[in-house]
Amino acid sequence: MTWQTAAKADTAGWLTGFIPDLPTPFNHRSEIDAEAFGRLCERQIAAGATALVVGETAGESATLEPAERAQLVRIAAGVARKRVRIIAGAGSNATDRAVTFTRAAEAAGADAIMSVVPYYNKPMPQGMAAHFRAVAAATTLPVILHDIPSRTVKGLADETLLELAAPPRFVGLRDGSGDVARLARLRSRLPAAFRMLTGDDASSLAWLAAGGDGCISVVTNVAPDLYVAVHRHFREGRLYQARELHQRLVPLATLLEREHPAALKFVLALLGFMPPTTRLPIVQLNGSAKAEVSQAMAELADEYLAAAH
């Protein structure tokens, strides 16, 4: 069995827990900082991540050139050396472009594809389903759907999701709606192997408690050990400890979401992992925003250090 075949057959083992949506470090010339990105990948693997998401929302996918998307996948795959799965952001609001990105990601060494609901175009449900089927037909890799209505305007309707989840190629959903009730509506109607993950850090523990499989997370970039501890406490039945740790993360999660991904890059720069450089139209944080995020980081420090040791 090949590595990619095994990945498709065993999503329950790796498409679970807290999976980082990695930012893309840029140097002062606005080029990808390959060394910094490699360090981010290795840090998450060392913390116990089962997969890495690259070139997606936190990675400023909208401003990445096609060659840069492939470069990120190659770097991540080279660092991972098959220790974890690499999930490549390959979405677009143009189906032909999404197909091109998907094929390029597979060729660069990705283990799975994340494909976002087409933004701006506002397609009807039938068009949305046809879009994702075209993406799936272009690859042998498992496809993870990404529903994030705040950025795409139109969301992925429940009935469309149920329709797409039936074929084995579609293996999971990253739900960015924050609608925990969606699990109650859909869990029993979805295939047992279909993974339901939230993309909302603030409600991630509630998502797990409602039967979700994990979180594709921004905050785990900052405190991976703490996020692993939350997940471990929850899975082992220590709900009080999981809730206490998660509550410490919520203020930072809220601030990171407000100015995403500039706030995330600012924090990681404070920690010495990467430059804070962004690409227009995203700009770096102003003074008051930096002060708020720094305060949230200071309040998190004790819990983070306790979890890390």
C-alpha atoms as a PDB file:
ATOM      1  CA  MET A   1       0.000   0.000   0.000  1.00  0.00           C
ATOM      2  CA  THR A   2       1.438   3.410  -0.957  1.00  0.00           C
ATOM      3  CA  TRP A   3       1.705   6.327   1.483  1.00  0.00           C
ATOM      4  CA  GLN A   4      -1.084   8.215  -0.308  1.00  0.00           C
ATOM      5  CA  THR A   5      -3.344   5.146  -0.440  1.00  0.00           C
ATOM      6  CA  ALA A   6      -2.797   4.628   3.274  1.00  0.00           C
ATOM      7  CA  ALA A   7      -3.639   8.280   3.908  1.00  0.00           C
ATOM      8  CA  LYS A   8      -6.983   7.884   2.146  1.00  0.00           C
ATOM      9  CA  ALA A   9      -7.761   4.655   3.951  1.00  0.00           C
ATOM     10  CA  ASP A  10      -6.971   5.926   7.432  1.00  0.00           C
ATOM     11  CA  THR A  11      -8.246   9.493   7.773  1.00  0.00           C
ATOM     12  CA  ALA A  12      -9.509   8.676  11.278  1.00  0.00           C
ATOM     13  CA  GLY A  13      -5.885   8.379  12.355  1.00  0.00           C
ATOM     14  CA  TRP A  14      -4.614  11.703  11.015  1.00  0.00           C
ATOM     15  CA  LEU A  15      -7.551  13.993  10.208  1.00  0.00           C
ATOM     16  CA  THR A  16      -8.286  14.569  13.877  1.00  0.00           C
ATOM     17  CA  GLY A  17      -7.275  16.640  16.892  1.00  0.00           C
ATOM     18  CA  PHE A  18      -5.726  20.068  16.391  1.00  0.00           C
ATOM     19  CA  ILE A  19      -4.166  20.623  12.969  1.00  0.00           C
ATOM     20  CA  PRO A  20      -2.286  23.882  12.342  1.00  0.00           C
ATOM     21  CA  ASP A  21      -3.182  26.179   9.454  1.00  0.00           C
ATOM     22  CA  LEU A  22       0.349  27.443   8.879  1.00  0.00           C
ATOM     23  CA  PRO A  23       1.163  31.046   7.936  1.00  0.00           C
ATOM     24  CA  THR A  24       3.501  31.783   5.052  1.00  0.00           C
ATOM     25  CA  PRO A  25       6.637  33.640   6.219  1.00  0.00           C
ATOM     26  CA  PHE A  26       7.901  36.348   3.879  1.00  0.00           C
ATOM     27  CA  ASN A  27      11.284  38.055   3.979  1.00  0.00           C
ATOM     28  CA  HIS A  28      11.864  41.796   3.501  1.00  0.00           C
ATOM     29  CA  ARG A  29      11.669  41.307  -0.281  1.00  0.00           C
ATOM     30  CA  SER A  30       8.222  39.673   0.072  1.00  0.00           C
ATOM     31  CA  GLU A  31       9.639  36.301  -0.959  1.00  0.00           C
ATOM     32  CA  ILE A  32       8.832  33.069   0.862  1.00  0.00           C
ATOM     33  CA  ASP A  33      11.225  32.580   3.765  1.00  0.00           C
ATOM     34  CA  ALA A  34      11.835  28.868   3.257  1.00  0.00           C
ATOM     35  CA  GLU A  35      14.003  28.474   6.365  1.00  0.00           C
ATOM     36  CA  ALA A  36      11.391  30.052   8.645  1.00  0.00           C
ATOM     37  CA  PHE A  37       8.609  27.994   7.094  1.00  0.00           C
ATOM     38  CA  GLY A  38      10.599  24.807   7.623  1.00  0.00           C
ATOM     39  CA  ARG A  39      11.032  25.722  11.302  1.00  0.00           C
ATOM     40  CA  LEU A  40       7.281  26.240  11.683  1.00  0.00           C
ATOM     41  CA  CYS A  41       6.630  22.823  10.153  1.00  0.00           C
ATOM     42  CA  GLU A  42       9.166  21.048  12.381  1.00  0.00           C
ATOM     43  CA  ARG A  43       7.833  22.769  15.515  1.00  0.00           C
ATOM     44  CA  GLN A  44       4.312  21.476  14.865  1.00  0.00           C
ATOM     45  CA  ILE A  45       5.509  17.961  14.075  1.00  0.00           C
ATOM     46  CA  ALA A  46       7.549  17.890  17.284  1.00  0.00           C
ATOM     47  CA  ALA A  47       4.462  18.965  19.231  1.00  0.00           C
ATOM     48  CA  GLY A  48       2.486  16.012  17.891  1.00  0.00           C
ATOM     49  CA  ALA A  49       0.498  17.382  14.966  1.00  0.00           C
ATOM     50  CA  THR A  50      -0.854  14.652  12.681  1.00  0.00           C
ATOM     51  CA  ALA A  51      -1.119  16.940   9.662  1.00  0.00           C
ATOM     52  CA  LEU A  52      -0.110  20.403   8.435  1.00  0.00           C
ATOM     53  CA  VAL A  53      -2.262  22.737   6.348  1.00  0.00           C
ATOM     54  CA  VAL A  54      -0.178  24.891   3.984  1.00  0.00           C
ATOM     55  CA  GLY A  55      -1.086  27.636   1.536  1.00  0.00           C
ATOM     56  CA  GLU A  56      -4.587  28.123   2.924  1.00  0.00           C
ATOM     57  CA  THR A  57      -6.296  30.947   4.860  1.00  0.00           C
ATOM     58  CA  ALA A  58      -3.488  31.610   7.352  1.00  0.00           C
ATOM     59  CA  GLY A  59      -1.004  31.181   4.512  1.00  0.00           C
ATOM     60  CA  GLU A  60      -2.402  34.182   2.594  1.00  0.00           C
ATOM     61  CA  SER A  61      -3.375  31.936  -0.284  1.00  0.00           C
ATOM     62  CA  ALA A  62      -5.019  34.728  -2.265  1.00  0.00           C
ATOM     63  CA  THR A  63      -1.670  36.482  -2.752  1.00  0.00           C
ATOM     64  CA  LEU A  64       0.431  33.393  -3.492  1.00  0.00           C
ATOM     65  CA  GLU A  65       1.636  32.718  -7.016  1.00  0.00           C
ATOM     66  CA  PRO A  66       1.065  29.171  -8.353  1.00  0.00           C
ATOM     67  CA  ALA A  67       4.791  28.403  -8.103  1.00  0.00           C
ATOM     68  CA  GLU A  68       4.797  29.601  -4.474  1.00  0.00           C
ATOM     69  CA  ARG A  69       1.911  27.290  -3.566  1.00  0.00           C
ATOM     70  CA  ALA A  70       3.890  24.356  -4.930  1.00  0.00           C
ATOM     71  CA  GLN A  71       7.033  25.583  -3.142  1.00  0.00           C
ATOM     72  CA  LEU A  72       5.254  25.528   0.233  1.00  0.00           C
ATOM     73  CA  VAL A  73       4.087  21.961  -0.349  1.00  0.00           C
ATOM     74  CA  ARG A  74       7.589  20.837  -1.315  1.00  0.00           C
ATOM     75  CA  ILE A  75       9.141  22.456   1.766  1.00  0.00           C
ATOM     76  CA  ALA A  76       6.544  20.966   4.110  1.00  0.00           C
ATOM     77  CA  ALA A  77       6.802  17.515   2.543  1.00  0.00           C
ATOM     78  CA  GLY A  78      10.589  17.653   2.742  1.00  0.00           C
ATOM     79  CA  VAL A  79      10.526  18.573   6.417  1.00  0.00           C
ATOM     80  CA  ALA A  80       7.791  16.055   7.254  1.00  0.00           C
ATOM     81  CA  ARG A  81       9.499  13.094   5.572  1.00  0.00           C
ATOM     82  CA  LYS A  82       6.166  11.229   5.797  1.00  0.00           C
ATOM     83  CA  ARG A  83       5.916  11.683   9.576  1.00  0.00           C
ATOM     84  CA  VAL A  84       2.716  13.706   9.113  1.00  0.00           C
ATOM     85  CA  ARG A  85       0.312  14.399   6.246  1.00  0.00           C
ATOM     86  CA  ILE A  86       0.565  17.587   4.209  1.00  0.00           C
ATOM     87  CA  ILE A  87      -2.789  19.175   3.350  1.00  0.00           C
ATOM     88  CA  ALA A  88      -2.418  21.683   0.525  1.00  0.00           C
ATOM     89  CA  GLY A  89      -4.744  24.639   0.101  1.00  0.00           C
ATOM     90  CA  ALA A  90      -5.758  24.430  -3.541  1.00  0.00           C
ATOM     91  CA  GLY A  91      -9.004  26.361  -3.740  1.00  0.00           C
ATOM     92  CA  SER A  92     -10.137  29.047  -6.149  1.00  0.00           C
ATOM     93  CA  ASN A  93     -13.384  30.649  -7.257  1.00  0.00           C
ATOM     94  CA  ALA A  94     -12.546  29.573 -10.820  1.00  0.00           C
ATOM     95  CA  THR A  95     -12.999  25.823 -11.234  1.00  0.00           C
ATOM     96  CA  ASP A  96     -10.293  25.452 -13.881  1.00  0.00           C
ATOM     97  CA  ARG A  97      -7.844  27.259 -11.618  1.00  0.00           C
ATOM     98  CA  ALA A  98      -8.788  25.099  -8.626  1.00  0.00           C
ATOM     99  CA  VAL A  99      -8.171  22.023 -10.783  1.00  0.00           C
ATOM    100  CA  THR A 100      -4.758  23.393 -11.824  1.00  0.00           C
ATOM    101  CA  PHE A 101      -3.802  24.137  -8.207  1.00  0.00           C
ATOM    102  CA  THR A 102      -4.967  20.679  -7.151  1.00  0.00           C
ATOM    103  CA  ARG A 103      -2.884  18.885  -9.751  1.00  0.00           C
ATOM    104  CA  ALA A 104       0.163  20.999  -8.925  1.00  0.00           C
ATOM    105  CA  ALA A 105      -0.198  20.273  -5.203  1.00  0.00           C
ATOM    106  CA  GLU A 106      -0.323  16.530  -5.838  1.00  0.00           C
ATOM    107  CA  ALA A 107       2.739  16.739  -8.074  1.00  0.00           C
ATOM    108  CA  ALA A 108       4.604  18.713  -5.368  1.00  0.00           C
ATOM    109  CA  GLY A 109       4.043  15.994  -2.765  1.00  0.00           C
ATOM    110  CA  ALA A 110       0.801  16.828  -0.946  1.00  0.00           C
ATOM    111  CA  ASP A 111      -1.082  14.018   0.812  1.00  0.00           C
ATOM    112  CA  ALA A 112      -4.503  15.698   0.710  1.00  0.00           C
ATOM    113  CA  ILE A 113      -6.210  18.716  -0.808  1.00  0.00           C
ATOM    114  CA  MET A 114      -8.249  21.405   0.935  1.00  0.00           C
ATOM    115  CA  SER A 115     -10.682  23.090  -1.440  1.00  0.00           C
ATOM    116  CA  VAL A 116     -12.673  26.131  -0.347  1.00  0.00           C
ATOM    117  CA  VAL A 117     -16.202  27.066  -1.374  1.00  0.00           C
ATOM    118  CA  PRO A 118     -15.930  29.349  -4.445  1.00  0.00           C
ATOM    119  CA  TYR A 119     -15.895  32.943  -3.223  1.00  0.00           C
ATOM    120  CA  TYR A 120     -17.315  36.080  -4.873  1.00  0.00           C
ATOM    121  CA  ASN A 121     -19.132  34.168  -7.632  1.00  0.00           C
ATOM    122  CA  LYS A 122     -21.940  33.055  -5.283  1.00  0.00           C
ATOM    123  CA  PRO A 123     -22.685  29.809  -7.179  1.00  0.00           C
ATOM    124  CA  MET A 124     -25.967  27.956  -6.786  1.00  0.00           C
ATOM    125  CA  PRO A 125     -25.798  24.612  -4.914  1.00  0.00           C
ATOM    126  CA  GLN A 126     -25.661  22.607  -8.143  1.00  0.00           C
ATOM    127  CA  GLY A 127     -22.737  24.693  -9.375  1.00  0.00           C
ATOM    128  CA  MET A 128     -20.933  24.308  -6.072  1.00  0.00           C
ATOM    129  CA  ALA A 129     -21.308  20.523  -6.197  1.00  0.00           C
ATOM    130  CA  ALA A 130     -20.098  20.444  -9.809  1.00  0.00           C
ATOM    131  CA  HIS A 131     -17.087  22.575  -8.869  1.00  0.00           C
ATOM    132  CA  PHE A 132     -15.976  20.179  -6.145  1.00  0.00           C
ATOM    133  CA  ARG A 133     -16.573  17.104  -8.292  1.00  0.00           C
ATOM    134  CA  ALA A 134     -14.284  18.599 -10.952  1.00  0.00           C
ATOM    135  CA  VAL A 135     -11.597  19.128  -8.292  1.00  0.00           C
ATOM    136  CA  ALA A 136     -11.939  15.546  -7.029  1.00  0.00           C
ATOM    137  CA  ALA A 137     -11.788  14.168 -10.568  1.00  0.00           C
ATOM    138  CA  ALA A 138      -8.443  15.929 -11.085  1.00  0.00           C
ATOM    139  CA  THR A 139      -6.583  14.130  -8.288  1.00  0.00           C
ATOM    140  CA  THR A 140      -6.024  10.762  -6.657  1.00  0.00           C
ATOM    141  CA  LEU A 141      -5.706  12.483  -3.261  1.00  0.00           C
ATOM    142  CA  PRO A 142      -8.396  12.785  -0.584  1.00  0.00           C
ATOM    143  CA  VAL A 143     -10.243  16.114  -0.685  1.00  0.00           C
ATOM    144  CA  ILE A 144     -11.236  18.132   2.393  1.00  0.00           C
ATOM    145  CA  LEU A 145     -13.975  20.680   1.836  1.00  0.00           C
ATOM    146  CA  HIS A 146     -13.661  24.141   3.401  1.00  0.00           C
ATOM    147  CA  ASP A 147     -16.834  26.051   4.239  1.00  0.00           C
ATOM    148  CA  ILE A 148     -16.194  29.581   5.528  1.00  0.00           C
ATOM    149  CA  PRO A 149     -19.223  31.791   4.820  1.00  0.00           C
ATOM    150  CA  SER A 150     -17.672  34.935   6.323  1.00  0.00           C
ATOM    151  CA  ARG A 151     -15.171  34.931   3.444  1.00  0.00           C
ATOM    152  CA  THR A 152     -17.152  33.286   0.642  1.00  0.00           C
ATOM    153  CA  VAL A 153     -20.581  34.929   1.229  1.00  0.00           C
ATOM    154  CA  LYS A 154     -22.441  31.760   0.243  1.00  0.00           C
ATOM    155  CA  GLY A 155     -21.941  28.720   2.424  1.00  0.00           C
ATOM    156  CA  LEU A 156     -21.983  25.016   1.653  1.00  0.00           C
ATOM    157  CA  ALA A 157     -25.587  23.922   2.186  1.00  0.00           C
ATOM    158  CA  ASP A 158     -26.189  20.864   4.364  1.00  0.00           C
ATOM    159  CA  GLU A 159     -27.793  18.921   1.532  1.00  0.00           C
ATOM    160  CA  THR A 160     -24.885  19.685  -0.801  1.00  0.00           C
ATOM    161  CA  LEU A 161     -22.434  18.526   1.850  1.00  0.00           C
ATOM    162  CA  LEU A 162     -24.344  15.271   2.334  1.00  0.00           C
ATOM    163  CA  GLU A 163     -24.327  14.722  -1.422  1.00  0.00           C
ATOM    164  CA  LEU A 164     -20.568  15.304  -1.691  1.00  0.00           C
ATOM    165  CA  ALA A 165     -19.701  13.268   1.412  1.00  0.00           C
ATOM    166  CA  ALA A 166     -21.040  10.052  -0.100  1.00  0.00           C
ATOM    167  CA  PRO A 167     -18.157   9.432  -2.576  1.00  0.00           C
ATOM    168  CA  PRO A 168     -14.993   8.225  -0.770  1.00  0.00           C
ATOM    169  CA  ARG A 169     -12.773  10.894  -2.357  1.00  0.00           C
ATOM    170  CA  PHE A 170     -14.324  13.588  -0.099  1.00  0.00           C
ATOM    171  CA  VAL A 171     -13.012  12.727   3.356  1.00  0.00           C
ATOM    172  CA  GLY A 172     -13.880  15.666   5.585  1.00  0.00           C
ATOM    173  CA  LEU A 173     -15.082  19.202   6.175  1.00  0.00           C
ATOM    174  CA  ARG A 174     -13.380  22.224   7.694  1.00  0.00           C
ATOM    175  CA  ASP A 175     -16.352  24.173   9.020  1.00  0.00           C
ATOM    176  CA  GLY A 176     -15.669  27.877   9.482  1.00  0.00           C
ATOM    177  CA  SER A 177     -19.239  28.860  10.260  1.00  0.00           C
ATOM    178  CA  GLY A 178     -18.949  28.383  14.023  1.00  0.00           C
ATOM    179  CA  ASP A 179     -22.304  26.558  13.910  1.00  0.00           C
ATOM    180  CA  VAL A 180     -21.853  23.748  16.443  1.00  0.00           C
ATOM    181  CA  ALA A 181     -25.493  22.729  15.911  1.00  0.00           C
ATOM    182  CA  ARG A 182     -24.509  21.604  12.416  1.00  0.00           C
ATOM    183  CA  LEU A 183     -22.977  18.497  13.953  1.00  0.00           C
ATOM    184  CA  ALA A 184     -26.274  17.524  15.538  1.00  0.00           C
ATOM    185  CA  ARG A 185     -28.034  17.986  12.216  1.00  0.00           C
ATOM    186  CA  LEU A 186     -25.556  16.034  10.111  1.00  0.00           C
ATOM    187  CA  ARG A 187     -23.417  13.603  12.117  1.00  0.00           C
ATOM    188  CA  SER A 188     -25.846  10.680  11.913  1.00  0.00           C
ATOM    189  CA  ARG A 189     -26.473  11.307   8.199  1.00  0.00           C
ATOM    190  CA  LEU A 190     -22.825  11.405   7.145  1.00  0.00           C
ATOM    191  CA  PRO A 191     -20.626   8.376   6.387  1.00  0.00           C
ATOM    192  CA  ALA A 192     -18.915   7.161   9.559  1.00  0.00           C
ATOM    193  CA  ALA A 193     -15.448   7.816   8.119  1.00  0.00           C
ATOM    194  CA  PHE A 194     -16.219  11.414   7.079  1.00  0.00           C
ATOM    195  CA  ARG A 195     -14.275  13.776   9.380  1.00  0.00           C
ATOM    196  CA  MET A 196     -15.966  16.907  10.736  1.00  0.00           C
ATOM    197  CA  LEU A 197     -13.490  19.567  11.890  1.00  0.00           C
ATOM    198  CA  THR A 198     -14.108  23.145  12.931  1.00  0.00           C
ATOM    199  CA  GLY A 199     -12.040  26.065  11.728  1.00  0.00           C
ATOM    200  CA  ASP A 200     -13.101  28.208  14.694  1.00  0.00           C
ATOM    201  CA  ASP A 201     -10.692  28.117  17.644  1.00  0.00           C
ATOM    202  CA  ALA A 202     -13.062  29.845  20.067  1.00  0.00           C
ATOM    203  CA  SER A 203     -15.714  27.112  19.781  1.00  0.00           C
ATOM    204  CA  SER A 204     -13.345  24.177  19.224  1.00  0.00           C
ATOM    205  CA  LEU A 205     -13.949  22.520  22.585  1.00  0.00           C
ATOM    206  CA  ALA A 206     -17.718  22.800  22.165  1.00  0.00           C
ATOM    207  CA  TRP A 207     -17.277  21.252  18.717  1.00  0.00           C
ATOM    208  CA  LEU A 208     -15.436  18.274  20.197  1.00  0.00           C
ATOM    209  CA  ALA A 209     -18.065  17.883  22.917  1.00  0.00           C
ATOM    210  CA  ALA A 210     -20.792  17.834  20.268  1.00  0.00           C
ATOM    211  CA  GLY A 211     -19.117  14.935  18.449  1.00  0.00           C
ATOM    212  CA  GLY A 212     -16.669  16.726  16.143  1.00  0.00           C
ATOM    213  CA  ASP A 213     -13.325  15.235  15.189  1.00  0.00           C
ATOM    214  CA  GLY A 214     -11.028  18.195  15.758  1.00  0.00           C
ATOM    215  CA  CYS A 215      -9.998  21.713  14.803  1.00  0.00           C
ATOM    216  CA  ILE A 216      -7.950  23.127  11.950  1.00  0.00           C
ATOM    217  CA  SER A 217      -6.490  25.838  14.097  1.00  0.00           C
ATOM    218  CA  VAL A 218      -4.745  29.186  13.957  1.00  0.00           C
ATOM    219  CA  VAL A 219      -3.940  29.414  17.682  1.00  0.00           C
ATOM    220  CA  THR A 220      -2.095  26.094  17.690  1.00  0.00           C
ATOM    221  CA  ASN A 221       0.585  27.929  15.681  1.00  0.00           C
ATOM    222  CA  VAL A 222       1.240  29.934  18.843  1.00  0.00           C
ATOM    223  CA  ALA A 223       0.849  27.303  21.568  1.00  0.00           C
ATOM    224  CA  PRO A 224       0.901  23.813  20.035  1.00  0.00           C
ATOM    225  CA  ASP A 225       1.705  22.026  23.294  1.00  0.00           C
ATOM    226  CA  LEU A 226      -1.222  23.701  25.024  1.00  0.00           C
ATOM    227  CA  TYR A 227      -3.594  22.708  22.253  1.00  0.00           C
ATOM    228  CA  VAL A 228      -2.363  19.127  22.374  1.00  0.00           C
ATOM    229  CA  ALA A 229      -2.997  19.182  26.138  1.00  0.00           C
ATOM    230  CA  VAL A 230      -6.589  20.403  25.619  1.00  0.00           C
ATOM    231  CA  HIS A 231      -7.260  17.593  23.180  1.00  0.00           C
ATOM    232  CA  ARG A 232      -5.607  14.970  25.398  1.00  0.00           C
ATOM    233  CA  HIS A 233      -7.580  16.039  28.480  1.00  0.00           C
ATOM    234  CA  PHE A 234     -10.826  15.924  26.501  1.00  0.00           C
ATOM    235  CA  ARG A 235     -10.203  12.508  24.950  1.00  0.00           C
ATOM    236  CA  GLU A 236      -9.198  11.042  28.311  1.00  0.00           C
ATOM    237  CA  GLY A 237     -12.308  12.358  30.034  1.00  0.00           C
ATOM    238  CA  ARG A 238     -10.744  15.192  32.039  1.00  0.00           C
ATOM    239  CA  LEU A 239     -13.319  17.717  30.940  1.00  0.00           C
ATOM    240  CA  TYR A 240     -12.650  20.255  33.684  1.00  0.00           C
ATOM    241  CA  GLN A 241      -8.954  20.473  32.779  1.00  0.00           C
ATOM    242  CA  ALA A 242      -9.755  20.697  29.066  1.00  0.00           C
ATOM    243  CA  ARG A 243     -12.242  23.495  29.694  1.00  0.00           C
ATOM    244  CA  GLU A 244      -9.857  25.422  31.943  1.00  0.00           C
ATOM    245  CA  LEU A 245      -7.036  25.331  29.408  1.00  0.00           C
ATOM    246  CA  HIS A 246      -9.322  26.148  26.500  1.00  0.00           C
ATOM    247  CA  GLN A 247     -10.757  29.176  28.295  1.00  0.00           C
ATOM    248  CA  ARG A 248      -7.224  30.580  28.571  1.00  0.00           C
ATOM    249  CA  LEU A 249      -6.898  30.379  24.784  1.00  0.00           C
ATOM    250  CA  VAL A 250     -10.170  32.099  23.875  1.00  0.00           C
ATOM    251  CA  PRO A 251      -9.057  35.750  24.363  1.00  0.00           C
ATOM    252  CA  LEU A 252      -6.019  35.220  22.139  1.00  0.00           C
ATOM    253  CA  ALA A 253      -8.109  33.303  19.579  1.00  0.00           C
ATOM    254  CA  THR A 254     -10.550  36.211  19.393  1.00  0.00           C
ATOM    255  CA  LEU A 255      -7.785  38.733  18.793  1.00  0.00           C
ATOM    256  CA  LEU A 256      -6.049  36.589  16.186  1.00  0.00           C
ATOM    257  CA  GLU A 257      -9.311  36.166  14.287  1.00  0.00           C
ATOM    258  CA  ARG A 258      -9.945  39.934  14.280  1.00  0.00           C
ATOM    259  CA  GLU A 259      -6.756  40.742  12.311  1.00  0.00           C
ATOM    260  CA  HIS A 260      -5.957  37.465  10.626  1.00  0.00           C
ATOM    261  CA  PRO A 261      -3.224  36.624   9.642  1.00  0.00           C
ATOM    262  CA  ALA A 262      -1.340  39.824  10.587  1.00  0.00           C
ATOM    263  CA  ALA A 263      -1.904  39.219  14.308  1.00  0.00           C
ATOM    264  CA  LEU A 264      -0.673  35.634  14.037  1.00  0.00           C
ATOM    265  CA  LYS A 265       2.474  36.760  12.261  1.00  0.00           C
ATOM    266  CA  PHE A 266       3.068  39.433  14.902  1.00  0.00           C
ATOM    267  CA  VAL A 267       2.863  36.841  17.700  1.00  0.00           C
ATOM    268  CA  LEU A 268       5.160  34.398  15.928  1.00  0.00           C
ATOM    269  CA  ALA A 269       7.629  37.241  15.356  1.00  0.00           C
ATOM    270  CA  LEU A 270       7.506  38.013  19.100  1.00  0.00           C
ATOM    271  CA  LEU A 271       8.353  34.360  19.734  1.00  0.00           C
ATOM    272  CA  GLY A 272      11.254  34.527  17.272  1.00  0.00           C
ATOM    273  CA  PHE A 273       9.920  32.082  14.677  1.00  0.00           C
ATOM    274  CA  MET A 274       9.391  34.293  11.625  1.00  0.00           C
ATOM    275  CA  PRO A 275       9.248  37.881  10.356  1.00  0.00           C
ATOM    276  CA  PRO A 276       5.895  39.696  10.750  1.00  0.00           C
ATOM    277  CA  THR A 277       5.874  40.632   7.046  1.00  0.00           C
ATOM    278  CA  THR A 278       2.532  40.426   5.221  1.00  0.00           C
ATOM    279  CA  ARG A 279       1.480  41.024   1.631  1.00  0.00           C
ATOM    280  CA  LEU A 280      -0.903  43.756   0.582  1.00  0.00           C
ATOM    281  CA  PRO A 281      -3.770  44.249   1.042  1.00  0.00           C
ATOM    282  CA  ILE A 282      -2.912  42.804   4.490  1.00  0.00           C
ATOM    283  CA  VAL A 283      -0.718  45.172   6.509  1.00  0.00           C
ATOM    284  CA  GLN A 284       1.065  44.718   9.816  1.00  0.00           C
ATOM    285  CA  LEU A 285      -0.661  45.521  13.104  1.00  0.00           C
ATOM    286  CA  ASN A 286      -0.766  49.066  14.420  1.00  0.00           C
ATOM    287  CA  GLY A 287       0.400  50.028  17.893  1.00  0.00           C
ATOM    288  CA  SER A 288      -2.862  49.553  19.792  1.00  0.00           C
ATOM    289  CA  ALA A 289      -3.512  46.161  18.209  1.00  0.00           C
ATOM    290  CA  LYS A 290       0.030  45.057  19.043  1.00  0.00           C
ATOM    291  CA  ALA A 291      -0.527  46.061  22.670  1.00  0.00           C
ATOM    292  CA  GLU A 292      -3.765  44.047  22.892  1.00  0.00           C
ATOM    293  CA  VAL A 293      -2.195  40.937  21.390  1.00  0.00           C
ATOM    294  CA  SER A 294       0.913  41.265  23.562  1.00  0.00           C
ATOM    295  CA  GLN A 295      -1.255  41.472  26.682  1.00  0.00           C
ATOM    296  CA  ALA A 296      -3.181  38.344  25.666  1.00  0.00           C
ATOM    297  CA  MET A 297       0.104  36.547  25.112  1.00  0.00           C
ATOM    298  CA  ALA A 298       1.367  37.593  28.541  1.00  0.00           C
ATOM    299  CA  GLU A 299      -1.799  36.250  30.168  1.00  0.00           C
ATOM    300  CA  LEU A 300      -1.381  32.968  28.334  1.00  0.00           C
ATOM    301  CA  ALA A 301       2.273  32.491  29.252  1.00  0.00           C
ATOM    302  CA  ASP A 302       1.846  30.624  32.519  1.00  0.00           C
ATOM    303  CA  GLU A 303      -0.586  28.086  31.059  1.00  0.00           C
ATOM    304  CA  TYR A 304       1.563  27.622  27.961  1.00  0.00           C
ATOM    305  CA  LEU A 305       4.714  26.988  29.982  1.00  0.00           C
ATOM    306  CA  ALA A 306       2.882  24.584  32.289  1.00  0.00           C
ATOM    307  CA  ALA A 307       1.606  22.557  29.324  1.00  0.00           C
ATOM    308  CA  ALA A 308       5.003  22.595  27.605  1.00  0.00           C
ATOM    309  CA  HIS A 309       6.655  21.056  30.663  1.00  0.00           C
END
